[in-house]
C-alpha atoms as a PDB file:
ATOM      1  CA  MET A   1       0.060   0.104   0.025  1.00  0.00           C
ATOM      2  CA  ALA A   2       1.098   3.445  -0.940  1.00  0.00           C
ATOM      3  CA  ARG A   3       2.567   5.871   2.092  1.00  0.00           C
ATOM      4  CA  LEU A   4      -0.133   7.930   3.535  1.00  0.00           C
ATOM      5  CA  THR A   5       0.059  11.633   3.441  1.00  0.00           C
ATOM      6  CA  GLY A   6       0.164  13.460   6.997  1.00  0.00           C
ATOM      7  CA  ARG A   7      -3.304  14.841   6.198  1.00  0.00           C
ATOM      8  CA  LYS A   8      -4.686  11.372   5.354  1.00  0.00           C
ATOM      9  CA  THR A   9      -2.852   9.772   8.453  1.00  0.00           C
ATOM     10  CA  ALA A  10      -4.483  12.307  10.618  1.00  0.00           C
ATOM     11  CA  TRP A  11      -7.835  11.473   8.896  1.00  0.00           C
ATOM     12  CA  LEU A  12      -7.702   7.865   9.535  1.00  0.00           C
ATOM     13  CA  ALA A  13      -6.438   8.380  12.987  1.00  0.00           C
ATOM     14  CA  ALA A  14      -9.428  10.327  13.614  1.00  0.00           C
ATOM     15  CA  THR A  15     -11.508   7.775  12.302  1.00  0.00           C
ATOM     16  CA  ILE A  16     -10.269   5.271  14.585  1.00  0.00           C
ATOM     17  CA  MET A  17     -10.785   7.605  17.605  1.00  0.00           C
ATOM     18  CA  LEU A  18     -14.419   7.584  16.898  1.00  0.00           C
ATOM     19  CA  TRP A  19     -14.158   3.773  17.154  1.00  0.00           C
ATOM     20  CA  SER A  20     -13.124   4.041  20.741  1.00  0.00           C
ATOM     21  CA  GLY A  21     -16.361   4.799  22.242  1.00  0.00           C
ATOM     22  CA  MET A  22     -17.356   8.181  21.634  1.00  0.00           C
ATOM     23  CA  ASN A  23     -21.235   8.410  21.805  1.00  0.00           C
ATOM     24  CA  LEU A  24     -23.072  11.421  20.259  1.00  0.00           C
ATOM     25  CA  ALA A  25     -26.777  11.756  21.025  1.00  0.00           C
ATOM     26  CA  TRP A  26     -27.526  13.370  17.494  1.00  0.00           C
ATOM     27  CA  ALA A  27     -25.610  10.753  15.525  1.00  0.00           C
ATOM     28  CA  GLU A  28     -27.272   8.920  12.611  1.00  0.00           C
ATOM     29  CA  GLU A  29     -26.735   6.811   9.547  1.00  0.00           C
ATOM     30  CA  PRO A  30     -26.735   8.421   6.161  1.00  0.00           C
ATOM     31  CA  ASP A  31     -30.221   7.947   4.370  1.00  0.00           C
ATOM     32  CA  TRP A  32     -29.542   5.077   2.081  1.00  0.00           C
ATOM     33  CA  THR A  33     -32.675   5.364   0.001  1.00  0.00           C
ATOM     34  CA  ASN A  34     -31.146   6.210  -3.300  1.00  0.00           C
ATOM     35  CA  TYR A  35     -28.464   3.425  -2.907  1.00  0.00           C
ATOM     36  CA  ALA A  36     -31.377   0.708  -2.229  1.00  0.00           C
ATOM     37  CA  MET A  37     -32.914   1.993  -5.301  1.00  0.00           C
ATOM     38  CA  LEU A  38     -29.819   1.782  -7.286  1.00  0.00           C
ATOM     39  CA  LEU A  39     -29.145  -2.036  -5.968  1.00  0.00           C
ATOM     40  CA  GLU A  40     -32.819  -2.854  -6.852  1.00  0.00           C
ATOM     41  CA  ARG A  41     -32.529  -1.340 -10.444  1.00  0.00           C
ATOM     42  CA  HIS A  42     -29.005  -2.502 -11.488  1.00  0.00           C
ATOM     43  CA  VAL A  43     -28.156  -5.745  -9.527  1.00  0.00           C
ATOM     44  CA  SER A  44     -29.633  -9.254 -10.117  1.00  0.00           C
ATOM     45  CA  PRO A  45     -29.036 -12.852  -9.596  1.00  0.00           C
ATOM     46  CA  GLY A  46     -27.546 -14.693 -12.472  1.00  0.00           C
ATOM     47  CA  SER A  47     -24.521 -16.879 -13.373  1.00  0.00           C
ATOM     48  CA  ILE A  48     -21.476 -16.631 -15.444  1.00  0.00           C
ATOM     49  CA  ASP A  49     -19.518 -19.809 -16.719  1.00  0.00           C
ATOM     50  CA  GLY A  50     -21.737 -21.625 -14.288  1.00  0.00           C
ATOM     51  CA  THR A  51     -20.936 -19.912 -11.149  1.00  0.00           C
ATOM     52  CA  ALA A  52     -24.252 -18.157  -9.516  1.00  0.00           C
ATOM     53  CA  VAL A  53     -23.219 -14.603  -8.923  1.00  0.00           C
ATOM     54  CA  ASN A  54     -25.352 -11.323  -8.500  1.00  0.00           C
ATOM     55  CA  LEU A  55     -24.859  -9.427 -11.757  1.00  0.00           C
ATOM     56  CA  VAL A  56     -24.142  -5.944 -11.945  1.00  0.00           C
ATOM     57  CA  SER A  57     -25.120  -3.352 -14.647  1.00  0.00           C
ATOM     58  CA  TYR A  58     -22.238  -1.146 -14.610  1.00  0.00           C
ATOM     59  CA  PRO A  59     -22.963   1.071 -17.860  1.00  0.00           C
ATOM     60  CA  SER A  60     -26.663   1.436 -16.538  1.00  0.00           C
ATOM     61  CA  ILE A  61     -25.026   2.509 -13.269  1.00  0.00           C
ATOM     62  CA  LYS A  62     -22.859   4.857 -14.881  1.00  0.00           C
ATOM     63  CA  ALA A  63     -25.694   6.531 -16.669  1.00  0.00           C
ATOM     64  CA  ASP A  64     -28.236   6.644 -13.581  1.00  0.00           C
ATOM     65  CA  PRO A  65     -28.459  10.294 -11.856  1.00  0.00           C
ATOM     66  CA  LEU A  66     -28.636   8.259  -8.414  1.00  0.00           C
ATOM     67  CA  PHE A  67     -25.201   7.080  -8.711  1.00  0.00           C
ATOM     68  CA  SER A  68     -23.634  10.549  -8.509  1.00  0.00           C
ATOM     69  CA  ASN A  69     -25.911  11.512  -5.902  1.00  0.00           C
ATOM     70  CA  ILE A  70     -24.787   8.880  -3.909  1.00  0.00           C
ATOM     71  CA  THR A  71     -20.979   9.300  -4.658  1.00  0.00           C
ATOM     72  CA  GLN A  72     -21.763  13.081  -3.469  1.00  0.00           C
ATOM     73  CA  GLN A  73     -23.251  11.917  -0.128  1.00  0.00           C
ATOM     74  CA  LEU A  74     -20.554   9.802   0.658  1.00  0.00           C
ATOM     75  CA  ALA A  75     -18.036  12.667  -0.141  1.00  0.00           C
ATOM     76  CA  HIS A  76     -20.032  15.157   2.300  1.00  0.00           C
ATOM     77  CA  TYR A  77     -20.895  12.967   4.998  1.00  0.00           C
ATOM     78  CA  PRO A  78     -19.776  13.810   8.302  1.00  0.00           C
ATOM     79  CA  GLN A  79     -17.919  10.530   9.861  1.00  0.00           C
ATOM     80  CA  GLU A  80     -18.522  11.968  13.091  1.00  0.00           C
ATOM     81  CA  ASN A  81     -22.115  11.218  12.988  1.00  0.00           C
ATOM     82  CA  LEU A  82     -21.443   7.536  13.408  1.00  0.00           C
ATOM     83  CA  SER A  83     -21.293   6.701  16.970  1.00  0.00           C
ATOM     84  CA  ASN A  84     -21.239   2.861  17.573  1.00  0.00           C
ATOM     85  CA  HIS A  85     -19.805  -0.045  16.077  1.00  0.00           C
ATOM     86  CA  GLU A  86     -22.842  -0.956  14.125  1.00  0.00           C
ATOM     87  CA  GLU A  87     -23.109   2.284  12.568  1.00  0.00           C
ATOM     88  CA  ARG A  88     -19.325   2.391  11.404  1.00  0.00           C
ATOM     89  CA  LEU A  89     -19.378  -1.152  10.170  1.00  0.00           C
ATOM     90  CA  ALA A  90     -22.360  -0.664   7.996  1.00  0.00           C
ATOM     91  CA  PHE A  91     -21.134   2.595   6.523  1.00  0.00           C
ATOM     92  CA  TYR A  92     -17.785   1.756   5.574  1.00  0.00           C
ATOM     93  CA  ILE A  93     -19.109  -1.973   3.938  1.00  0.00           C
ATOM     94  CA  ASN A  94     -21.545   0.462   2.091  1.00  0.00           C
ATOM     95  CA  ALA A  95     -18.855   3.045   1.235  1.00  0.00           C
ATOM     96  CA  TYR A  96     -16.380   0.423   0.084  1.00  0.00           C
ATOM     97  CA  ASN A  97     -18.951  -1.165  -2.193  1.00  0.00           C
ATOM     98  CA  ILE A  98     -20.002   2.091  -3.844  1.00  0.00           C
ATOM     99  CA  LEU A  99     -16.370   3.191  -4.610  1.00  0.00           C
ATOM    100  CA  ALA A 100     -15.621  -0.331  -6.193  1.00  0.00           C
ATOM    101  CA  ILE A 101     -18.680   0.217  -8.393  1.00  0.00           C
ATOM    102  CA  LYS A 102     -17.326   3.550  -8.978  1.00  0.00           C
ATOM    103  CA  MET A 103     -13.913   2.367 -10.083  1.00  0.00           C
ATOM    104  CA  VAL A 104     -15.311   0.224 -12.675  1.00  0.00           C
ATOM    105  CA  THR A 105     -17.668   2.943 -13.889  1.00  0.00           C
ATOM    106  CA  ASP A 106     -14.735   5.554 -14.081  1.00  0.00           C
ATOM    107  CA  HIS A 107     -12.494   3.296 -16.049  1.00  0.00           C
ATOM    108  CA  TRP A 108     -15.558   1.435 -18.296  1.00  0.00           C
ATOM    109  CA  PRO A 109     -15.135  -0.274 -20.384  1.00  0.00           C
ATOM    110  CA  LEU A 110     -12.971  -3.241 -18.740  1.00  0.00           C
ATOM    111  CA  LYS A 111     -13.057  -6.632 -18.109  1.00  0.00           C
ATOM    112  CA  SER A 112     -11.727  -6.881 -14.655  1.00  0.00           C
ATOM    113  CA  ILE A 113     -11.625  -4.301 -11.869  1.00  0.00           C
ATOM    114  CA  LYS A 114      -7.825  -5.074 -11.915  1.00  0.00           C
ATOM    115  CA  ASP A 115      -7.501  -3.436 -15.323  1.00  0.00           C
ATOM    116  CA  ALA A 116      -8.171  -0.045 -13.513  1.00  0.00           C
ATOM    117  CA  GLY A 117      -4.952  -0.469 -11.775  1.00  0.00           C
ATOM    118  CA  SER A 118      -1.491  -0.261 -13.754  1.00  0.00           C
ATOM    119  CA  LEU A 119       1.990  -1.744 -13.732  1.00  0.00           C
ATOM    120  CA  PHE A 120       3.281   0.562 -10.654  1.00  0.00           C
ATOM    121  CA  THR A 121      -0.035   1.220  -8.908  1.00  0.00           C
ATOM    122  CA  ALA A 122      -2.314  -1.514  -8.108  1.00  0.00           C
ATOM    123  CA  VAL A 123      -6.003  -0.940  -8.295  1.00  0.00           C
ATOM    124  CA  TRP A 124      -6.472  -1.112  -4.512  1.00  0.00           C
ATOM    125  CA  ASP A 125      -4.057   1.840  -4.001  1.00  0.00           C
ATOM    126  CA  LYS A 126      -5.619   3.859  -6.556  1.00  0.00           C
ATOM    127  CA  PRO A 127      -7.883   6.799  -5.500  1.00  0.00           C
ATOM    128  CA  ALA A 128     -11.194   5.673  -5.464  1.00  0.00           C
ATOM    129  CA  GLY A 129     -13.136   8.597  -4.432  1.00  0.00           C
ATOM    130  CA  VAL A 130     -14.004  10.794  -1.670  1.00  0.00           C
ATOM    131  CA  LEU A 131     -15.252   9.933   1.750  1.00  0.00           C
ATOM    132  CA  SER A 132     -16.134  12.705   4.228  1.00  0.00           C
ATOM    133  CA  GLY A 133     -13.924  14.803   2.393  1.00  0.00           C
ATOM    134  CA  HIS A 134     -10.716  13.088   2.035  1.00  0.00           C
ATOM    135  CA  THR A 135      -9.805  11.172  -1.223  1.00  0.00           C
ATOM    136  CA  VAL A 136      -9.331   7.411  -0.276  1.00  0.00           C
ATOM    137  CA  THR A 137      -8.551   3.988  -1.868  1.00  0.00           C
ATOM    138  CA  LEU A 138     -10.226   0.708  -1.570  1.00  0.00           C
ATOM    139  CA  GLY A 139      -7.326  -0.581   0.338  1.00  0.00           C
ATOM    140  CA  GLU A 140      -7.350   2.208   2.832  1.00  0.00           C
ATOM    141  CA  ILE A 141     -10.991   1.365   3.619  1.00  0.00           C
ATOM    142  CA  GLU A 142     -10.534  -2.245   3.861  1.00  0.00           C
ATOM    143  CA  HIS A 143      -7.182  -2.257   5.539  1.00  0.00           C
ATOM    144  CA  GLU A 144      -6.916   0.725   7.884  1.00  0.00           C
ATOM    145  CA  ILE A 145     -10.766   1.061   8.720  1.00  0.00           C
ATOM    146  CA  LEU A 146     -12.803  -2.196   8.202  1.00  0.00           C
ATOM    147  CA  ARG A 147      -9.876  -4.792   9.319  1.00  0.00           C
ATOM    148  CA  PRO A 148      -9.055  -3.196  12.499  1.00  0.00           C
ATOM    149  CA  MET A 149     -12.711  -3.475  13.584  1.00  0.00           C
ATOM    150  CA  GLY A 150     -12.365  -7.045  14.101  1.00  0.00           C
ATOM    151  CA  ASP A 151     -15.242  -8.706  12.646  1.00  0.00           C
ATOM    152  CA  PRO A 152     -13.646 -11.279   9.478  1.00  0.00           C
ATOM    153  CA  ARG A 153     -17.244 -11.374   8.047  1.00  0.00           C
ATOM    154  CA  ILE A 154     -16.709  -8.073   6.200  1.00  0.00           C
ATOM    155  CA  HIS A 155     -14.797 -10.330   3.775  1.00  0.00           C
ATOM    156  CA  MET A 156     -17.894 -11.811   2.686  1.00  0.00           C
ATOM    157  CA  ALA A 157     -19.344  -8.471   2.445  1.00  0.00           C
ATOM    158  CA  ILE A 158     -17.129  -6.158   0.753  1.00  0.00           C
ATOM    159  CA  VAL A 159     -17.076  -6.907  -3.075  1.00  0.00           C
ATOM    160  CA  CYS A 160     -14.402  -6.434  -5.486  1.00  0.00           C
ATOM    161  CA  ALA A 161     -16.724  -6.274  -8.579  1.00  0.00           C
ATOM    162  CA  SER A 162     -15.205  -9.859  -9.623  1.00  0.00           C
ATOM    163  CA  ILE A 163     -17.192 -13.136 -10.292  1.00  0.00           C
ATOM    164  CA  SER A 164     -15.326 -15.164  -7.368  1.00  0.00           C
ATOM    165  CA  CYS A 165     -15.924 -12.247  -4.801  1.00  0.00           C
ATOM    166  CA  PRO A 166     -18.703 -12.743  -2.538  1.00  0.00           C
ATOM    167  CA  ASP A 167     -22.146 -11.350  -4.202  1.00  0.00           C
ATOM    168  CA  LEU A 168     -22.716  -8.029  -4.039  1.00  0.00           C
ATOM    169  CA  SER A 169     -25.998  -7.793  -1.702  1.00  0.00           C
ATOM    170  CA  ARG A 170     -28.971  -6.423  -3.219  1.00  0.00           C
ATOM    171  CA  SER A 171     -29.819  -5.065   0.310  1.00  0.00           C
ATOM    172  CA  VAL A 172     -28.229  -2.011   1.605  1.00  0.00           C
ATOM    173  CA  TYR A 173     -26.215  -2.682   4.964  1.00  0.00           C
ATOM    174  CA  ARG A 174     -27.738  -0.866   7.933  1.00  0.00           C
ATOM    175  CA  ALA A 175     -26.902  -0.748  11.753  1.00  0.00           C
ATOM    176  CA  THR A 176     -29.842  -2.297  13.196  1.00  0.00           C
ATOM    177  CA  THR A 177     -29.587  -5.288  10.955  1.00  0.00           C
ATOM    178  CA  ILE A 178     -25.967  -5.529  10.248  1.00  0.00           C
ATOM    179  CA  ASP A 179     -25.319  -8.603  12.573  1.00  0.00           C
ATOM    180  CA  ARG A 180     -27.836 -10.620  10.755  1.00  0.00           C
ATOM    181  CA  GLN A 181     -27.036  -9.426   7.130  1.00  0.00           C
ATOM    182  CA  LEU A 182     -23.308 -10.374   7.747  1.00  0.00           C
ATOM    183  CA  ASP A 183     -24.281 -13.957   8.890  1.00  0.00           C
ATOM    184  CA  THR A 184     -26.591 -14.342   6.046  1.00  0.00           C
ATOM    185  CA  GLN A 185     -23.898 -13.315   3.548  1.00  0.00           C
ATOM    186  CA  THR A 186     -21.280 -15.399   5.007  1.00  0.00           C
ATOM    187  CA  ARG A 187     -23.593 -18.247   4.814  1.00  0.00           C
ATOM    188  CA  HIS A 188     -24.550 -17.324   1.275  1.00  0.00           C
ATOM    189  CA  PHE A 189     -20.970 -17.204   0.329  1.00  0.00           C
ATOM    190  CA  LEU A 190     -20.258 -20.723   1.711  1.00  0.00           C
ATOM    191  CA  ASP A 191     -22.930 -22.400   0.289  1.00  0.00           C
ATOM    192  CA  ASN A 192     -21.808 -21.420  -3.253  1.00  0.00           C
ATOM    193  CA  LYS A 193     -19.563 -24.566  -4.303  1.00  0.00           C
ATOM    194  CA  GLU A 194     -18.132 -22.414  -7.146  1.00  0.00           C
ATOM    195  CA  LYS A 195     -16.401 -19.730  -5.005  1.00  0.00           C
ATOM    196  CA  GLY A 196     -17.222 -20.380  -1.269  1.00  0.00           C
ATOM    197  CA  LEU A 197     -16.783 -23.749  -0.274  1.00  0.00           C
ATOM    198  CA  ARG A 198     -16.509 -27.241  -1.988  1.00  0.00           C
ATOM    199  CA  ILE A 199     -16.421 -30.961  -0.242  1.00  0.00           C
ATOM    200  CA  GLU A 200     -14.395 -33.124  -2.660  1.00  0.00           C
ATOM    201  CA  ALA A 201     -13.217 -36.500  -2.165  1.00  0.00           C
ATOM    202  CA  ASN A 202      -9.398 -35.744  -0.840  1.00  0.00           C
ATOM    203  CA  GLY A 203     -10.915 -32.731   1.299  1.00  0.00           C
ATOM    204  CA  ILE A 204     -12.181 -29.251   1.765  1.00  0.00           C
ATOM    205  CA  ARG A 205     -11.599 -26.414  -0.518  1.00  0.00           C
ATOM    206  CA  VAL A 206     -12.554 -22.968   0.223  1.00  0.00           C
ATOM    207  CA  SER A 207     -12.078 -19.521  -1.404  1.00  0.00           C
ATOM    208  CA  HIS A 208      -8.536 -17.575  -1.435  1.00  0.00           C
ATOM    209  CA  ILE A 209     -10.131 -15.205   0.686  1.00  0.00           C
ATOM    210  CA  PHE A 210      -9.355 -17.535   3.758  1.00  0.00           C
ATOM    211  CA  ASP A 211      -5.662 -17.660   2.722  1.00  0.00           C
ATOM    212  CA  TRP A 212      -5.125 -13.894   2.046  1.00  0.00           C
ATOM    213  CA  PHE A 213      -6.691 -12.929   5.264  1.00  0.00           C
ATOM    214  CA  GLU A 214      -6.095 -15.992   7.532  1.00  0.00           C
ATOM    215  CA  ASP A 215      -4.936 -13.749  10.490  1.00  0.00           C
ATOM    216  CA  ASP A 216      -8.300 -12.241  10.678  1.00  0.00           C
ATOM    217  CA  PHE A 217      -9.982 -15.473  11.631  1.00  0.00           C
ATOM    218  CA  ALA A 218      -7.740 -16.347  14.377  1.00  0.00           C
ATOM    219  CA  ALA A 219      -9.861 -14.611  17.112  1.00  0.00           C
ATOM    220  CA  GLN A 220     -12.596 -17.033  15.871  1.00  0.00           C
ATOM    221  CA  GLY A 221     -10.505 -19.788  16.509  1.00  0.00           C
ATOM    222  CA  GLY A 222      -9.225 -20.168  12.923  1.00  0.00           C
ATOM    223  CA  VAL A 223     -10.496 -20.694   9.607  1.00  0.00           C
ATOM    224  CA  MET A 224     -12.078 -24.243  10.063  1.00  0.00           C
ATOM    225  CA  LYS A 225     -14.004 -23.162  13.166  1.00  0.00           C
ATOM    226  CA  PHE A 226     -15.266 -19.678  11.667  1.00  0.00           C
ATOM    227  CA  ILE A 227     -16.568 -21.948   8.639  1.00  0.00           C
ATOM    228  CA  SER A 228     -18.055 -24.629  10.741  1.00  0.00           C
ATOM    229  CA  GLN A 229     -20.309 -22.118  12.437  1.00  0.00           C
ATOM    230  CA  TYR A 230     -22.201 -21.480   9.245  1.00  0.00           C
ATOM    231  CA  ARG A 231     -21.509 -24.869   7.370  1.00  0.00           C
ATOM    232  CA  LYS A 232     -22.708 -27.888   9.843  1.00  0.00           C
ATOM    233  CA  SER A 233     -21.661 -31.419   9.480  1.00  0.00           C
ATOM    234  CA  LEU A 234     -18.506 -30.624   7.642  1.00  0.00           C
ATOM    235  CA  PRO A 235     -15.999 -33.802   7.469  1.00  0.00           C
ATOM    236  CA  SER A 236     -13.941 -32.707  10.395  1.00  0.00           C
ATOM    237  CA  SER A 237     -10.826 -34.831   9.482  1.00  0.00           C
ATOM    238  CA  SER A 238     -10.604 -33.565   5.798  1.00  0.00           C
ATOM    239  CA  PRO A 239      -7.900 -31.111   5.058  1.00  0.00           C
ATOM    240  CA  LEU A 240      -8.918 -27.762   4.338  1.00  0.00           C
ATOM    241  CA  LYS A 241      -7.149 -25.814   1.623  1.00  0.00           C
ATOM    242  CA  ALA A 242      -7.785 -22.223   0.648  1.00  0.00           C
ATOM    243  CA  ASN A 243      -7.385 -22.763  -3.248  1.00  0.00           C
ATOM    244  CA  LEU A 244     -10.647 -22.507  -5.066  1.00  0.00           C
ATOM    245  CA  PRO A 245      -9.958 -20.851  -8.581  1.00  0.00           C
ATOM    246  CA  TYR A 246     -10.490 -17.142  -8.056  1.00  0.00           C
ATOM    247  CA  ASN A 247     -12.079 -15.687 -11.436  1.00  0.00           C
ATOM    248  CA  TRP A 248     -11.503 -11.787 -11.456  1.00  0.00           C
ATOM    249  CA  GLN A 249     -13.716 -11.531 -14.388  1.00  0.00           C
ATOM    250  CA  LEU A 250     -16.247  -8.645 -13.690  1.00  0.00           C
ATOM    251  CA  ASN A 251     -19.685  -9.733 -12.260  1.00  0.00           C
ATOM    252  CA  TYR A 252     -21.281  -7.906 -15.305  1.00  0.00           C
ATOM    253  CA  ARG A 253     -24.809  -7.835 -16.386  1.00  0.00           C
ATOM    254  CA  ASP A 254     -24.985  -6.971 -19.870  1.00  0.00           C
ATOM    255  CA  ASP A 255     -28.495  -5.166 -20.757  1.00  0.00           C
ATOM    256  CA  SER A 256     -27.596  -3.920 -24.278  1.00  0.00           C
END
């Protein structure tokens, strides 16, 4: 990840300080009405190459005035309005997913979100948009804000616009329902044998996500124990390998 500027470091530090227990009586989540409408209009279940996936119509989103309104809302929303863990978790998951979509629409057309990067700068380290008055990258939201919150289920909720990513939820994440939503997302991902979890004769294969972020599951007792909460009756003696093929092709719905 690219080195943070002093100003951005201060902003991220301020964000983390808000997690430490500050409680503002007037705090409230953003009004996610436009985002909910956008998801309903432009995201639908389907499949690509035999993999079930929620498909996203990126050209339609790019042309929809709602999307510009949503990104402007993120740009100006005061982060100090978020007073508790649930509000912050829902907000930054939504923000990541919105800005991942923006990364694709800003560079449209492309076959993979990784194509928006370059030889010298991975897409995760490129400016993705403005969040609460500060330009951020997807990597900063994921690694500097969401992962330190200590809930590994985020990896089943933030979506990198790819077939093998967890599905982009068609429902907005909200503070009042975030715990149930993350459980549902995790269970849904692990039920997908093409990209989440597959039982084979010689063992259990799971997404590379569980390898890339293995340390995040340590507090849950490790990857296998975490997975066992959502997939019952797994063969306990079977070796677990995080090596399912990862398809970086866009989760794209062609409406033309």
